């Protein structure tokens, strides 16, 4: 599969900057409003589908299907981030109207970090073929971790250790209006900044699972990168819309564990069995559909 021309990369990032700017202005006008969140989420979904159609010219249906499968996979896995975001905001006592600002800059940082991770992962797979078995092992471990959470592990215990360590910090300033303030003539970090740092660390932790997952679908850097980024940028709007209903998705972790397990098996069997992007997309859609449907139909615990 031919590499993407340079102008594809430039055009994608220019469009990304414009759309992030539109999202920022919409949320700034009414922080935490569901109407704005619904509009921006629809904007990101339409942009993701439009990119898939644009990729038909260079990558043909096979490449576009890989992109869409990667996007669906990353979109499903990104739902698990929302639980940790909710936990972080509760631990740091960030009010709802301040949360979108933290998530906006957290997502902007995630774009840079994930780009670096994907570039490194593709190079490793290109030069060291055996590394795919390490990636598959990481996915299986992540699936087992999610199953432990699905079995009812207490929320405080399911949070990563670094989150519990970070919440023991005593921020110099309790200001929630900005990330850095000047008090008593000194520049000080605020609770808002510490929350942003925690969100960035969260994305690094989840990237360890999601990057190998998308590389199990495509090794083409542009397809892996764009599918991952288009899923991540909608996280803020997803959170605003779903934060109140996260508790109802009781089987979500089990469904995500199944998705990660499928990605791991797909990577392990790549040398013997070829599972096309169309089948991959169908399996992911079926697993998440069953999971969300069962969660919504289940009686409250």
Protein backbone atom coordinates (compact mmCIF):
# COMPACT_ATOMS: atom_id res chain seq x y z
CA UNK A 1 0.00 0.00 0.00
CA UNK A 2 1.52 3.30 -1.11
CA UNK A 3 2.46 5.88 1.54
CA UNK A 4 0.33 8.99 1.78
CA UNK A 5 1.67 12.07 -0.04
CA UNK A 6 2.91 14.92 2.10
CA UNK A 7 -0.03 17.11 1.17
CA UNK A 8 -2.40 14.52 2.67
CA UNK A 9 -0.69 15.00 6.03
CA UNK A 10 -0.74 18.78 5.71
CA UNK A 11 -4.39 18.90 4.65
CA UNK A 12 -5.43 16.57 7.47
CA UNK A 13 -3.73 18.66 10.16
CA UNK A 14 -5.02 21.94 8.75
CA UNK A 15 -8.56 20.56 8.79
CA UNK A 16 -7.98 19.20 12.30
CA UNK A 17 -6.87 22.62 13.58
CA UNK A 18 -9.90 24.31 12.03
CA UNK A 19 -12.33 21.78 13.52
CA UNK A 20 -10.67 21.96 16.95
CA UNK A 21 -11.05 25.75 16.77
CA UNK A 22 -14.76 25.42 15.94
CA UNK A 23 -15.23 23.00 18.83
CA UNK A 24 -13.37 25.31 21.21
CA UNK A 25 -15.56 28.29 20.30
CA UNK A 26 -18.78 26.29 20.60
CA UNK A 27 -17.90 24.92 24.03
CA UNK A 28 -16.56 28.26 25.21
CA UNK A 29 -19.92 29.86 24.45
CA UNK A 30 -21.70 27.39 26.74
CA UNK A 31 -19.32 25.16 28.77
CA UNK A 32 -20.80 21.75 29.53
CA UNK A 33 -23.94 22.30 27.42
CA UNK A 34 -25.25 19.11 25.84
CA UNK A 35 -26.52 20.89 22.75
CA UNK A 36 -23.03 22.11 21.87
CA UNK A 37 -21.61 18.68 22.70
CA UNK A 38 -24.10 17.01 20.36
CA UNK A 39 -23.26 19.46 17.57
CA UNK A 40 -19.50 19.00 17.91
CA UNK A 41 -19.81 15.21 18.18
CA UNK A 42 -21.87 15.17 14.99
CA UNK A 43 -19.22 17.38 13.39
CA UNK A 44 -16.44 14.92 14.29
CA UNK A 45 -18.40 11.87 13.09
CA UNK A 46 -19.22 13.55 9.76
CA UNK A 47 -15.57 14.59 9.39
CA UNK A 48 -14.42 11.02 10.11
CA UNK A 49 -16.77 9.54 7.51
CA UNK A 50 -15.81 12.25 4.98
CA UNK A 51 -12.14 11.38 5.47
CA UNK A 52 -12.95 7.72 4.83
CA UNK A 53 -14.58 8.68 1.53
CA UNK A 54 -11.61 10.89 0.62
CA UNK A 55 -9.24 7.97 1.22
CA UNK A 56 -10.94 5.93 -1.50
CA UNK A 57 -8.94 7.82 -4.13
CA UNK A 58 -5.53 6.83 -2.81
CA UNK A 59 -6.17 3.62 -0.89
CA UNK A 60 -9.15 2.15 -2.73
CA UNK A 61 -11.98 0.41 -0.83
CA UNK A 62 -9.56 -1.91 1.02
CA UNK A 63 -7.62 1.00 2.56
CA UNK A 64 -10.75 3.01 3.35
CA UNK A 65 -12.19 -0.07 5.07
CA UNK A 66 -9.01 -0.40 7.16
CA UNK A 67 -9.37 3.23 8.20
CA UNK A 68 -13.03 2.81 9.16
CA UNK A 69 -12.30 -0.41 11.07
CA UNK A 70 -9.48 1.31 12.94
CA UNK A 71 -11.74 4.28 13.67
CA UNK A 72 -14.52 2.04 14.99
CA UNK A 73 -12.05 0.11 17.15
CA UNK A 74 -10.49 3.24 18.64
CA UNK A 75 -13.91 4.84 19.14
CA UNK A 76 -15.03 1.81 21.12
CA UNK A 77 -11.86 1.71 23.22
CA UNK A 78 -12.04 5.45 23.90
CA UNK A 79 -15.29 4.92 25.80
CA UNK A 80 -13.26 3.40 28.63
CA UNK A 81 -11.40 6.71 28.98
CA UNK A 82 -14.65 8.36 30.00
CA UNK A 83 -14.85 6.37 33.23
CA UNK A 84 -11.37 7.51 34.23
CA UNK A 85 -12.17 11.11 33.29
CA UNK A 86 -15.22 10.99 35.57
CA UNK A 87 -13.06 9.56 38.36
CA UNK A 88 -10.41 12.25 37.93
CA UNK A 89 -12.90 15.10 37.93
CA UNK A 90 -14.48 13.74 41.09
CA UNK A 91 -11.14 13.25 42.83
CA UNK A 92 -9.94 16.76 41.95
CA UNK A 93 -13.41 18.25 42.53
CA UNK A 94 -13.60 19.94 39.14
CA UNK A 95 -17.08 21.45 38.54
CA UNK A 96 -18.90 20.43 35.32
CA UNK A 97 -18.53 23.83 33.65
CA UNK A 98 -14.70 23.63 33.98
CA UNK A 99 -14.32 20.06 32.72
CA UNK A 100 -14.62 20.73 28.94
CA UNK A 101 -11.65 23.11 29.07
CA UNK A 102 -9.44 20.47 30.67
CA UNK A 103 -10.58 17.88 28.15
CA UNK A 104 -9.96 20.19 25.18
CA UNK A 105 -6.29 20.69 26.03
CA UNK A 106 -5.99 17.07 27.11
CA UNK A 107 -7.20 15.93 23.68
CA UNK A 108 -4.85 18.39 21.95
CA UNK A 109 -1.93 16.85 23.84
CA UNK A 110 -3.17 13.35 23.02
CA UNK A 111 -2.97 14.12 19.28
CA UNK A 112 0.77 14.80 19.61
CA UNK A 113 1.49 11.85 21.90
CA UNK A 114 -0.41 9.30 19.85
CA UNK A 115 1.24 10.44 16.65
CA UNK A 116 4.62 9.74 18.22
CA UNK A 117 3.48 6.36 19.56
CA UNK A 118 2.07 5.24 16.20
CA UNK A 119 5.22 6.29 14.34
CA UNK A 120 7.32 4.30 16.80
CA UNK A 121 5.01 1.29 16.69
CA UNK A 122 4.95 1.10 12.88
CA UNK A 123 8.74 1.31 12.71
CA UNK A 124 9.10 -1.44 15.29
CA UNK A 125 6.73 -3.73 13.40
CA UNK A 126 8.54 -3.00 10.14
CA UNK A 127 11.99 -3.88 11.44
CA UNK A 128 11.20 -6.34 14.23
CA UNK A 129 8.37 -8.62 13.18
CA UNK A 130 8.41 -10.48 16.47
CA UNK A 131 7.33 -7.29 18.27
CA UNK A 132 3.75 -7.97 17.13
CA UNK A 133 3.62 -10.84 19.62
CA UNK A 134 4.61 -8.43 22.40
CA UNK A 135 1.88 -6.03 21.26
CA UNK A 136 -0.63 -8.89 21.20
CA UNK A 137 0.40 -9.86 24.75
CA UNK A 138 -0.19 -6.28 25.90
CA UNK A 139 -3.66 -6.39 24.38
CA UNK A 140 -4.47 -9.65 26.15
CA UNK A 141 -3.28 -8.24 29.47
CA UNK A 142 -5.43 -5.16 28.91
CA UNK A 143 -8.43 -7.40 28.18
CA UNK A 144 -7.87 -9.30 31.43
CA UNK A 145 -7.59 -6.03 33.33
CA UNK A 146 -10.92 -4.89 31.91
CA UNK A 147 -12.53 -8.21 32.83
CA UNK A 148 -11.40 -7.71 36.42
CA UNK A 149 -13.11 -4.33 36.39
CA UNK A 150 -16.24 -5.85 34.85
CA UNK A 151 -16.39 -8.43 37.66
CA UNK A 152 -17.07 -5.63 40.12
CA UNK A 153 -13.68 -4.49 41.34
CA UNK A 154 -14.18 -1.34 43.44
CA UNK A 155 -13.73 1.87 41.49
CA UNK A 156 -11.00 3.25 43.72
CA UNK A 157 -9.01 0.03 43.39
CA UNK A 158 -9.49 -0.14 39.60
CA UNK A 159 -7.92 3.28 39.15
CA UNK A 160 -4.25 3.16 38.13
CA UNK A 161 -1.77 3.53 40.99
CA UNK A 162 -0.32 6.73 39.53
CA UNK A 163 -3.75 8.40 39.78
CA UNK A 164 -3.99 7.56 43.48
CA UNK A 165 -0.44 8.85 43.96
CA UNK A 166 -1.16 12.06 42.08
CA UNK A 167 -4.27 12.82 44.15
CA UNK A 168 -2.11 12.91 47.30
CA UNK A 169 -0.41 16.04 45.99
CA UNK A 170 -1.30 19.27 47.69
CA UNK A 171 -1.62 21.87 44.93
CA UNK A 172 -0.27 25.27 45.80
CA UNK A 173 -3.40 27.02 44.52
CA UNK A 174 -7.01 25.90 44.55
CA UNK A 175 -7.84 28.29 41.72
CA UNK A 176 -10.09 26.74 39.07
CA UNK A 177 -10.15 29.62 36.59
CA UNK A 178 -6.85 28.87 34.83
CA UNK A 179 -3.96 26.42 34.79
CA UNK A 180 -1.29 28.71 36.26
CA UNK A 181 -1.74 31.72 38.56
CA UNK A 182 0.46 34.28 40.25
CA UNK A 183 -0.20 34.49 43.98
CA UNK A 184 1.92 36.32 46.52
CA UNK A 185 4.29 37.24 43.70
CA UNK A 186 4.96 33.60 42.75
CA UNK A 187 3.81 31.55 39.77
CA UNK A 188 1.86 28.56 41.02
CA UNK A 189 0.22 25.49 39.53
CA UNK A 190 -3.51 25.07 40.12
CA UNK A 191 -5.82 22.12 40.65
CA UNK A 192 -6.92 22.57 37.05
CA UNK A 193 -3.34 22.08 35.81
CA UNK A 194 -2.84 18.97 37.92
CA UNK A 195 -6.07 17.56 36.48
CA UNK A 196 -4.81 18.25 32.96
CA UNK A 197 -1.55 16.43 33.75
CA UNK A 198 -3.58 13.48 35.07
CA UNK A 199 -5.69 13.42 31.89
CA UNK A 200 -2.51 13.35 29.76
CA UNK A 201 -1.07 10.50 31.82
CA UNK A 202 -4.38 8.67 31.40
CA UNK A 203 -4.08 8.91 27.62
CA UNK A 204 -0.54 7.53 27.76
CA UNK A 205 -1.81 4.54 29.74
CA UNK A 206 -4.68 3.91 27.32
CA UNK A 207 -2.42 4.41 24.30
CA UNK A 208 -0.44 1.35 25.42
CA UNK A 209 -3.62 -0.63 24.67
CA UNK A 210 -5.09 1.28 21.74
CA UNK A 211 -2.00 1.74 19.55
CA UNK A 212 -1.24 -2.00 19.28
CA UNK A 213 -4.97 -2.52 18.65
CA UNK A 214 -5.07 -0.21 15.63
CA UNK A 215 -1.80 -1.68 14.33
CA UNK A 216 -3.50 -5.07 14.32
CA UNK A 217 -5.76 -3.66 11.58
CA UNK A 218 -3.37 -1.58 9.47
CA UNK A 219 0.37 -0.94 9.32
CA UNK A 220 -0.05 2.06 6.99
CA UNK A 221 1.02 5.07 9.12
CA UNK A 222 -1.49 7.55 7.69
CA UNK A 223 -4.44 5.19 8.14
CA UNK A 224 -3.38 4.18 11.66
CA UNK A 225 -2.76 7.78 12.69
CA UNK A 226 -5.90 9.37 11.24
CA UNK A 227 -8.24 6.64 12.50
CA UNK A 228 -6.78 6.99 15.99
CA UNK A 229 -6.86 10.78 16.06
CA UNK A 230 -10.40 11.07 14.65
CA UNK A 231 -11.61 8.81 17.46
CA UNK A 232 -9.73 10.71 20.17
CA UNK A 233 -10.80 14.25 19.19
CA UNK A 234 -14.46 13.50 19.88
CA UNK A 235 -13.79 12.42 23.47
CA UNK A 236 -14.71 15.77 25.02
CA UNK A 237 -18.13 15.87 23.39
CA UNK A 238 -18.68 12.20 24.18
CA UNK A 239 -17.93 12.88 27.83
CA UNK A 240 -20.32 15.83 28.10
CA UNK A 241 -23.11 13.76 26.54
CA UNK A 242 -22.52 10.47 28.37
CA UNK A 243 -21.09 11.49 31.77
CA UNK A 244 -24.47 11.30 33.49
CA UNK A 245 -25.25 7.88 32.01
CA UNK A 246 -21.91 6.11 32.41
CA UNK A 247 -23.12 4.21 35.45
CA UNK A 248 -25.77 2.47 33.29
CA UNK A 249 -23.16 0.92 30.98
CA UNK A 250 -22.53 -1.92 33.39
CA UNK A 251 -21.24 -4.38 30.75
CA UNK A 252 -19.05 -1.92 28.85
CA UNK A 253 -15.78 -3.21 30.32
CA UNK A 254 -16.65 -6.78 29.35
CA UNK A 255 -17.40 -5.67 25.78
CA UNK A 256 -14.17 -3.72 25.53
CA UNK A 257 -12.27 -6.72 26.88
CA UNK A 258 -13.78 -8.82 24.08
CA UNK A 259 -12.77 -6.21 21.48
CA UNK A 260 -9.18 -6.13 22.77
CA UNK A 261 -9.08 -9.92 22.89
CA UNK A 262 -10.23 -10.08 19.27
CA UNK A 263 -7.54 -7.56 18.23
CA UNK A 264 -4.88 -9.60 20.05
CA UNK A 265 -5.94 -12.87 18.41
CA UNK A 266 -6.05 -11.15 15.01
CA UNK A 267 -2.46 -9.99 15.48
CA UNK A 268 -1.27 -13.38 16.72
CA UNK A 269 -2.88 -15.23 13.81
CA UNK A 270 -1.74 -12.75 11.13
CA UNK A 271 0.85 -15.17 9.77
CA UNK A 272 -1.72 -17.92 9.15
CA UNK A 273 -5.16 -16.31 8.85
CA UNK A 274 -6.05 -13.02 7.19
CA UNK A 275 -9.05 -11.26 8.70
CA UNK A 276 -10.11 -8.43 6.42
CA UNK A 277 -11.11 -4.95 7.62
CA UNK A 278 -14.73 -5.57 6.67
CA UNK A 279 -14.98 -8.58 8.99
CA UNK A 280 -13.09 -6.67 11.67
CA UNK A 281 -15.52 -3.76 11.46
CA UNK A 282 -18.49 -6.15 11.66
CA UNK A 283 -17.08 -7.97 14.71
CA UNK A 284 -16.38 -4.72 16.57
CA UNK A 285 -19.84 -3.35 15.76
CA UNK A 286 -21.49 -6.61 16.88
CA UNK A 287 -19.55 -6.82 20.16
CA UNK A 288 -20.23 -3.19 21.08
CA UNK A 289 -23.86 -3.41 19.97
CA UNK A 290 -24.45 -6.45 22.17
CA UNK A 291 -22.60 -4.84 25.07
CA UNK A 292 -24.44 -1.50 24.94
CA UNK A 293 -27.78 -3.17 24.31
CA UNK A 294 -27.37 -5.52 27.28
CA UNK A 295 -26.28 -2.62 29.49
CA UNK A 296 -29.31 -0.52 28.59
CA UNK A 297 -31.75 -3.42 29.01
CA UNK A 298 -30.30 -4.61 32.31
CA UNK A 299 -32.04 -3.71 35.51
CA UNK A 300 -30.24 -1.20 37.77
CA UNK A 301 -27.87 -2.93 40.16
